[in-house]
Structure formats: structure tokens, C-alpha cells
Amino acid sequence: MGVYLVSVGAREWFGEDEDEDQEDEDQVGFGELASALNAELLRRGLPPYTSLPEETPFVRGSGMAFEEKLIPPMDGFTELCRAHLSQEETDTLCGWSALVPISLDEEICLPVEFGYTDETMVAGAPQVLAIVERLARIVDLPPEIPATSDNLDLTMWFRDGPAKDTAAARPGPWAEDLDAAFYVALYLRAAQFVLRRGSPVVYS
């Protein structure tokens, strides 16, 4: 249980597995979302989003998949955004349901149900990355944070791993609020993954 950020492969994104998963009523299908997104991209004069990689066998540290759990409270991260970002930038960074490797001047709101909402907000990873990189510089994220998020790598590093010891050895703005630093690292790695791998990342 809980909220996760996870990557989606081509078959799942285009709804090719939806019939197989109908017995799971909670299974989120992305076929409708993929179609609605492509229709809106075409309306804006942009090419459709059709080139997605397939899922690959899990190999820890490979960077071929993304999965993190949103456990810490977001209060400190919200304050960080309020102090250093405009409301528009904060909305771009935090307001999406799906992050895609497409440059979007503004987010796309689609009338497709997603989780508990009646709409799906899609953001472009280049825009999100530019915003979160600023926050990463402000808090001075250390190089020790995991570079991949194949299987809760960031979650475990901050929650049960060496984050506290690293904070003691490398004090700085990031070490003053590890929960806020976790979310900076989370959005940073998510955007980097989407652009590197070409897969969308969604809330689950």
C-alpha cells in the first residue's frame, strides 16, 4: 500500500496488457491515456509519443526501471518550493500524474481518470528537470545519493540507509531536512530517468 512513482513499459502504456489484467479491478490501464495524449500532441502540432522501450528483466542498479515509494512528509519540500520557485514552477514540478520525455511549454490536462481524480496532468521531463536541478543546487545534494531507482533505491537510502551518516559527514542545506532532500532527489532522478530511458513515470 502507499503511493509510488513507477515507470511504464510500452505494452502497458499502449494498453496491450489490459485484457489480461481485467481480473484486477484496481489495475490502471494506460491505453486511453496514451491515445488522448497523442491526440492532444497532434492538435498542438507535435509528433505523437510512440517510441517507448519494453520492460526488461530486473537488474538492480541497471537504471532500466524506476520505482520509489513516497513515504516521508512533504511539508519541508513544499516550503522549499515556496521559498525558491514561482507558483507556476511549483505546479509544473509537483502537479503532474504522468511525466513524459517530451518538451512541453505547458502541461497537458487530459479528461482521463487517473487514480482518484477525473483528469490526468501530463508534464514534460525537460521542464521538470530544469526546475528540480535548481532546487538540487540550492540544497547541494551530495554525490552519494543513488544514481538509479530500480527498486526503492532512494527510498531505502534516505529511510533506512546511510543518509543520516552522510549528513553528519557532509553537512549542508540538504542535511538540514532529509525529507525535503528526498523529494528533491526523487523528482531529479525521475526526470533524468524519463529522458534517459524514454519511458514515462507515473504515480501508482
Protein backbone atom coordinates (compact mmCIF):
# COMPACT_ATOMS: atom_id res chain seq x y z
CA MET A 1 0.00 0.00 0.00
CA GLY A 2 1.02 3.63 -0.33
CA VAL A 3 1.92 5.93 -3.18
CA TYR A 4 4.69 5.02 -5.61
CA LEU A 5 6.36 6.57 -8.63
CA VAL A 6 6.91 3.86 -11.22
CA SER A 7 7.99 3.56 -14.83
CA VAL A 8 5.71 2.15 -17.52
CA GLY A 9 6.76 -0.02 -20.45
CA ALA A 10 5.39 0.12 -23.98
CA ARG A 11 2.86 -2.73 -23.73
CA GLU A 12 1.31 -1.35 -20.55
CA TRP A 13 1.33 2.24 -21.82
CA PHE A 14 -0.50 1.39 -25.00
CA GLY A 15 -2.96 -0.86 -23.18
CA GLU A 16 -1.83 -4.09 -24.82
CA ASP A 17 -2.00 -5.92 -21.47
CA GLU A 18 -5.30 -4.51 -20.28
CA ASP A 19 -7.43 -7.53 -21.25
CA GLU A 20 -5.09 -9.82 -19.36
CA ASP A 21 -5.38 -7.70 -16.22
CA GLN A 22 -9.14 -7.21 -16.11
CA GLU A 23 -9.45 -9.60 -13.18
CA ASP A 24 -7.63 -6.96 -11.09
CA GLU A 25 -10.22 -4.20 -10.76
CA ASP A 26 -7.63 -1.82 -9.32
CA GLN A 27 -5.32 -2.21 -12.30
CA VAL A 28 -4.76 1.11 -14.04
CA GLY A 29 -4.86 0.87 -17.81
CA PHE A 30 -2.97 3.47 -19.83
CA GLY A 31 -4.33 2.83 -23.31
CA GLU A 32 -6.94 5.58 -23.07
CA LEU A 33 -4.37 7.98 -21.64
CA ALA A 34 -1.86 7.21 -24.40
CA SER A 35 -4.49 7.81 -27.09
CA ALA A 36 -5.71 11.05 -25.50
CA LEU A 37 -2.16 12.34 -25.12
CA ASN A 38 -1.27 11.63 -28.74
CA ALA A 39 -4.45 13.31 -29.93
CA GLU A 40 -3.56 16.44 -27.95
CA LEU A 41 0.04 16.39 -29.15
CA LEU A 42 -1.14 16.24 -32.75
CA ARG A 43 -3.57 19.09 -32.07
CA ARG A 44 -0.62 21.16 -30.86
CA GLY A 45 1.41 20.31 -33.94
CA LEU A 46 3.75 17.96 -32.07
CA PRO A 47 4.65 14.39 -33.05
CA PRO A 48 2.86 11.60 -31.19
CA TYR A 49 4.56 9.78 -28.34
CA THR A 50 5.01 6.31 -29.77
CA SER A 51 8.64 5.29 -29.15
CA LEU A 52 8.71 3.59 -25.76
CA PRO A 53 11.05 0.81 -24.68
CA GLU A 54 9.70 -2.50 -23.50
CA GLU A 55 10.18 -3.59 -19.91
CA THR A 56 13.38 -5.55 -19.32
CA PRO A 57 14.26 -8.21 -16.72
CA PHE A 58 15.06 -6.58 -13.38
CA VAL A 59 18.74 -5.95 -12.68
CA ARG A 60 19.46 -3.82 -9.61
CA GLY A 61 21.46 -0.73 -10.47
CA SER A 62 20.87 -1.04 -14.22
CA GLY A 63 18.77 2.13 -14.45
CA MET A 64 16.29 0.37 -16.74
CA ALA A 65 13.27 0.80 -14.45
CA PHE A 66 12.02 3.27 -11.87
CA GLU A 67 10.24 2.56 -8.60
CA GLU A 68 10.21 4.71 -5.46
CA LYS A 69 7.74 4.98 -2.57
CA LEU A 70 6.62 8.40 -1.31
CA ILE A 71 6.88 7.80 2.44
CA PRO A 72 8.27 11.00 4.07
CA PRO A 73 6.02 14.01 4.74
CA MET A 74 6.25 16.73 2.08
CA ASP A 75 5.97 19.77 4.36
CA GLY A 76 9.64 20.72 4.14
CA PHE A 77 9.72 20.19 0.39
CA THR A 78 6.62 22.34 -0.01
CA GLU A 79 8.31 25.12 1.97
CA LEU A 80 11.43 24.76 -0.16
CA CYS A 81 9.39 25.17 -3.33
CA ARG A 82 7.52 28.15 -1.88
CA ALA A 83 10.81 29.85 -0.99
CA HIS A 84 12.59 29.36 -4.30
CA LEU A 85 10.03 28.70 -7.05
CA SER A 86 7.11 30.55 -8.54
CA GLN A 87 3.67 29.02 -8.17
CA GLU A 88 3.74 28.09 -11.85
CA GLU A 89 7.08 26.32 -11.44
CA THR A 90 5.82 24.51 -8.36
CA ASP A 91 2.73 23.35 -10.23
CA THR A 92 4.90 22.06 -13.08
CA LEU A 93 7.21 20.23 -10.71
CA CYS A 94 4.61 18.71 -8.41
CA GLY A 95 1.27 18.75 -10.21
CA TRP A 96 1.66 16.00 -12.80
CA SER A 97 0.25 12.49 -12.82
CA ALA A 98 2.43 11.32 -15.73
CA LEU A 99 5.89 12.54 -16.72
CA VAL A 100 6.91 12.01 -20.35
CA PRO A 101 10.13 12.62 -22.35
CA ILE A 102 8.56 15.39 -24.42
CA SER A 103 9.29 19.10 -24.21
CA LEU A 104 6.01 20.80 -23.31
CA ASP A 105 5.71 24.55 -22.96
CA GLU A 106 2.78 23.93 -20.65
CA GLU A 107 1.37 20.82 -19.00
CA ILE A 108 -1.40 18.89 -20.73
CA CYS A 109 -4.60 18.27 -18.79
CA LEU A 110 -6.50 15.29 -20.20
CA PRO A 111 -10.06 14.25 -19.33
CA VAL A 112 -8.92 10.74 -18.43
CA GLU A 113 -9.45 9.28 -14.96
CA PHE A 114 -6.25 8.61 -13.07
CA GLY A 115 -6.33 7.10 -9.60
CA TYR A 116 -8.81 9.13 -7.56
CA THR A 117 -9.00 12.07 -9.96
CA ASP A 118 -11.15 12.68 -13.05
CA GLU A 119 -8.24 14.19 -15.00
CA THR A 120 -4.65 13.35 -15.81
CA MET A 121 -1.98 16.04 -15.83
CA VAL A 122 0.96 15.28 -18.11
CA ALA A 123 4.23 17.21 -17.78
CA GLY A 124 7.37 17.28 -19.87
CA ALA A 125 10.53 15.88 -18.29
CA PRO A 126 12.79 18.62 -19.75
CA GLN A 127 10.77 21.31 -17.96
CA VAL A 128 10.60 19.37 -14.69
CA LEU A 129 14.32 18.61 -14.81
CA ALA A 130 15.26 22.27 -15.30
CA ILE A 131 13.22 23.25 -12.24
CA VAL A 132 14.38 20.49 -9.92
CA GLU A 133 18.02 20.95 -10.90
CA ARG A 134 17.78 24.44 -9.43
CA LEU A 135 16.50 23.00 -6.16
CA ALA A 136 19.24 20.37 -6.19
CA ARG A 137 21.85 23.13 -6.45
CA ILE A 138 20.17 25.14 -3.70
CA VAL A 139 20.17 22.27 -1.21
CA ASP A 140 23.52 21.00 -2.53
CA LEU A 141 22.54 17.35 -2.91
CA PRO A 142 25.58 15.15 -2.21
CA PRO A 143 27.02 12.85 -4.89
CA GLU A 144 26.42 9.87 -2.62
CA ILE A 145 22.68 9.71 -3.34
CA PRO A 146 21.80 6.69 -5.51
CA ALA A 147 22.03 7.32 -9.23
CA THR A 148 19.31 4.78 -10.06
CA SER A 149 15.87 3.97 -8.71
CA ASP A 150 15.29 0.44 -9.94
CA ASN A 151 13.81 -0.81 -6.68
CA LEU A 152 13.28 1.82 -3.98
CA ASP A 153 16.95 2.81 -4.07
CA LEU A 154 16.33 6.40 -2.95
CA THR A 155 13.60 5.40 -0.51
CA MET A 156 15.87 2.93 1.26
CA TRP A 157 18.92 5.22 1.15
CA PHE A 158 17.06 8.04 2.89
CA ARG A 159 14.85 5.96 5.16
CA ASP A 160 16.99 3.06 6.35
CA GLY A 161 20.31 3.59 4.62
CA PRO A 162 23.33 5.87 5.03
CA ALA A 163 21.56 9.23 4.64
CA LYS A 164 21.95 10.25 8.29
CA ASP A 165 25.60 9.21 8.44
CA THR A 166 26.27 11.02 5.16
CA ALA A 167 24.51 14.11 6.50
CA ALA A 168 26.78 14.10 9.55
CA ALA A 169 29.88 13.72 7.38
CA ARG A 170 28.74 16.17 4.68
CA PRO A 171 26.69 18.87 6.43
CA GLY A 172 24.89 21.39 4.28
CA PRO A 173 21.41 22.60 3.34
CA TRP A 174 20.35 19.12 2.20
CA ALA A 175 21.22 17.66 5.60
CA GLU A 176 19.01 20.13 7.47
CA ASP A 177 15.82 18.47 6.18
CA LEU A 178 16.31 14.95 4.86
CA ASP A 179 12.63 14.60 3.97
CA ALA A 180 12.81 17.65 1.72
CA ALA A 181 16.09 16.41 0.24
CA PHE A 182 14.44 13.07 -0.53
CA TYR A 183 11.78 14.73 -2.67
CA VAL A 184 14.35 16.86 -4.49
CA ALA A 185 16.31 13.70 -5.25
CA LEU A 186 13.12 11.83 -6.19
CA TYR A 187 11.97 14.36 -8.79
CA LEU A 188 15.52 14.81 -10.05
CA ARG A 189 16.05 11.09 -10.64
CA ALA A 190 12.55 10.67 -12.09
CA ALA A 191 13.09 13.36 -14.71
CA GLN A 192 16.57 12.08 -15.51
CA PHE A 193 15.24 8.54 -15.90
CA VAL A 194 12.40 9.58 -18.21
CA LEU A 195 14.79 11.46 -20.50
CA ARG A 196 17.47 8.75 -20.44
CA ARG A 197 15.19 5.74 -20.85
CA GLY A 198 12.33 7.28 -22.83
CA SER A 199 9.74 5.69 -20.53
CA PRO A 200 7.01 7.62 -18.73
CA VAL A 201 6.88 7.70 -14.95
CA VAL A 202 3.50 7.74 -13.23
CA TYR A 203 2.02 7.69 -9.76
CA SER A 204 0.70 4.33 -8.67
